[in-house]
Amino acid sequence: MQDNEFIEPEQSEFLETFGADRVAISGDVASFLVKIDADPDNTIELTYDVIARSVRVRWLHNAAVVADLYKERVDRLSVDKHGSIEIASRGTDLASKLTIEVYPIRISEVQLAF
């Protein structure tokens, strides 16, 4: 088992890319919530815990959950200036990258064994 550091974006990256603030989750030491309005009907809720190295992404359409994804042992959470979020992890025999494009919303994941 590999124990890597969790790399996260600066708060300003969420604001500059999506116009969304990163908010600390009350009662947790290093957990955050980012709500991104993709359009009037669709919202992406990104929550992550730096210490637990976990990330949850929920896509809501008119308040109904369309997708609810949860990842553990995340190494890196990053924001692309073109409007996407990448969640990457790498273990001893498997690497994965979950990509959430926000404008329009598209979700894809790649897992590679080596």
Protein backbone atom coordinates (compact mmCIF):
# COMPACT_ATOMS: atom_id res chain seq x y z
CA MET A 1 0.00 0.00 0.00
CA GLN A 2 1.29 3.39 -0.99
CA ASP A 3 0.87 6.38 1.33
CA ASN A 4 1.05 9.56 -0.73
CA GLU A 5 0.42 13.18 0.03
CA PHE A 6 -2.91 14.69 -1.07
CA ILE A 7 -2.36 17.58 -3.50
CA GLU A 8 -5.25 20.02 -3.80
CA PRO A 9 -5.94 23.20 -5.80
CA GLU A 10 -5.61 26.65 -4.32
CA GLN A 11 -8.92 28.23 -3.30
CA SER A 12 -8.40 30.88 -5.97
CA GLU A 13 -8.41 28.19 -8.70
CA PHE A 14 -12.01 27.23 -7.90
CA LEU A 15 -13.04 30.88 -7.89
CA GLU A 16 -11.22 31.81 -11.11
CA THR A 17 -12.30 28.71 -13.05
CA PHE A 18 -15.85 28.14 -11.80
CA GLY A 19 -16.81 31.26 -9.84
CA ALA A 20 -17.23 28.98 -6.81
CA ASP A 21 -15.87 29.29 -3.28
CA ARG A 22 -14.26 26.46 -1.36
CA VAL A 23 -15.97 26.28 2.04
CA ALA A 24 -14.64 24.42 5.08
CA ILE A 25 -17.04 21.75 6.35
CA SER A 26 -17.94 22.48 9.96
CA GLY A 27 -16.71 19.92 12.47
CA ASP A 28 -14.03 18.44 10.20
CA VAL A 29 -10.36 19.39 10.33
CA ALA A 30 -9.47 19.48 6.63
CA SER A 31 -12.69 18.87 4.67
CA PHE A 32 -14.08 21.21 2.06
CA LEU A 33 -17.15 21.69 -0.14
CA VAL A 34 -17.26 23.40 -3.53
CA LYS A 35 -20.64 23.93 -5.25
CA ILE A 36 -20.37 24.69 -8.96
CA ASP A 37 -23.39 25.84 -10.95
CA ALA A 38 -22.80 24.45 -14.44
CA ASP A 39 -26.06 26.00 -15.69
CA PRO A 40 -29.42 26.92 -14.13
CA ASP A 41 -30.46 23.25 -13.91
CA ASN A 42 -27.18 21.45 -13.12
CA THR A 43 -24.88 21.64 -10.11
CA ILE A 44 -21.66 19.82 -9.28
CA GLU A 45 -20.98 19.32 -5.56
CA LEU A 46 -17.36 18.48 -4.84
CA THR A 47 -16.44 17.49 -1.29
CA TYR A 48 -13.01 16.35 -0.23
CA ASP A 49 -11.08 15.43 2.87
CA VAL A 50 -7.36 16.18 2.75
CA ILE A 51 -6.42 13.93 5.70
CA ALA A 52 -8.52 10.93 4.60
CA ARG A 53 -7.50 11.54 0.94
CA SER A 54 -11.08 11.07 -0.23
CA VAL A 55 -13.19 12.91 -2.80
CA ARG A 56 -16.92 12.81 -3.52
CA VAL A 57 -18.54 14.29 -6.62
CA ARG A 58 -22.29 14.64 -6.96
CA TRP A 59 -24.03 15.85 -10.12
CA LEU A 60 -27.48 17.24 -9.41
CA HIS A 61 -30.07 18.06 -12.08
CA ASN A 62 -32.90 20.17 -10.64
CA ALA A 63 -31.93 18.87 -7.16
CA ALA A 64 -32.17 15.20 -8.27
CA VAL A 65 -28.94 13.19 -8.05
CA VAL A 66 -27.75 12.10 -11.50
CA ALA A 67 -24.35 10.74 -10.40
CA ASP A 68 -22.72 10.21 -7.01
CA LEU A 69 -19.05 9.16 -7.16
CA TYR A 70 -16.72 8.53 -4.24
CA LYS A 71 -12.96 7.88 -4.40
CA GLU A 72 -10.47 7.01 -1.66
CA ARG A 73 -6.66 7.05 -1.64
CA VAL A 74 -6.65 10.08 -3.92
CA ASP A 75 -3.23 11.56 -4.65
CA ARG A 76 -4.22 14.68 -6.53
CA LEU A 77 -7.28 16.85 -7.02
CA SER A 78 -6.72 19.46 -9.71
CA VAL A 79 -8.63 22.09 -11.65
CA ASP A 80 -8.04 22.71 -15.33
CA LYS A 81 -8.48 26.34 -16.38
CA HIS A 82 -10.73 25.18 -19.25
CA GLY A 83 -13.38 24.02 -16.77
CA SER A 84 -12.66 20.49 -15.65
CA ILE A 85 -11.79 18.73 -12.41
CA GLU A 86 -9.36 15.81 -12.31
CA ILE A 87 -9.10 13.29 -9.47
CA ALA A 88 -6.03 11.06 -9.76
CA SER A 89 -4.68 8.16 -7.77
CA ARG A 90 -1.80 5.74 -8.24
CA GLY A 91 -1.16 2.55 -6.33
CA THR A 92 1.40 -0.22 -6.73
CA ASP A 93 -0.51 -1.90 -9.56
CA LEU A 94 -3.31 0.46 -10.59
CA ALA A 95 -3.64 4.11 -11.60
CA SER A 96 -6.88 5.97 -12.21
CA LYS A 97 -8.02 9.38 -13.33
CA LEU A 98 -11.61 10.60 -12.96
CA THR A 99 -12.37 13.69 -15.07
CA ILE A 100 -15.43 15.89 -14.60
CA GLU A 101 -15.94 18.42 -17.37
CA VAL A 102 -18.30 21.11 -16.13
CA TYR A 103 -19.32 23.08 -19.26
CA PRO A 104 -21.23 20.93 -20.37
CA ILE A 105 -21.09 18.22 -17.72
CA ARG A 106 -19.32 15.05 -18.83
CA ILE A 107 -17.77 12.42 -16.58
CA SER A 108 -15.11 9.95 -17.64
CA GLU A 109 -12.74 7.61 -15.82
CA VAL A 110 -9.66 5.75 -16.94
CA GLN A 111 -8.06 2.95 -14.91
CA LEU A 112 -4.76 1.41 -15.91
CA ALA A 113 -3.16 -1.72 -14.47
CA PHE A 114 0.62 -2.10 -14.68
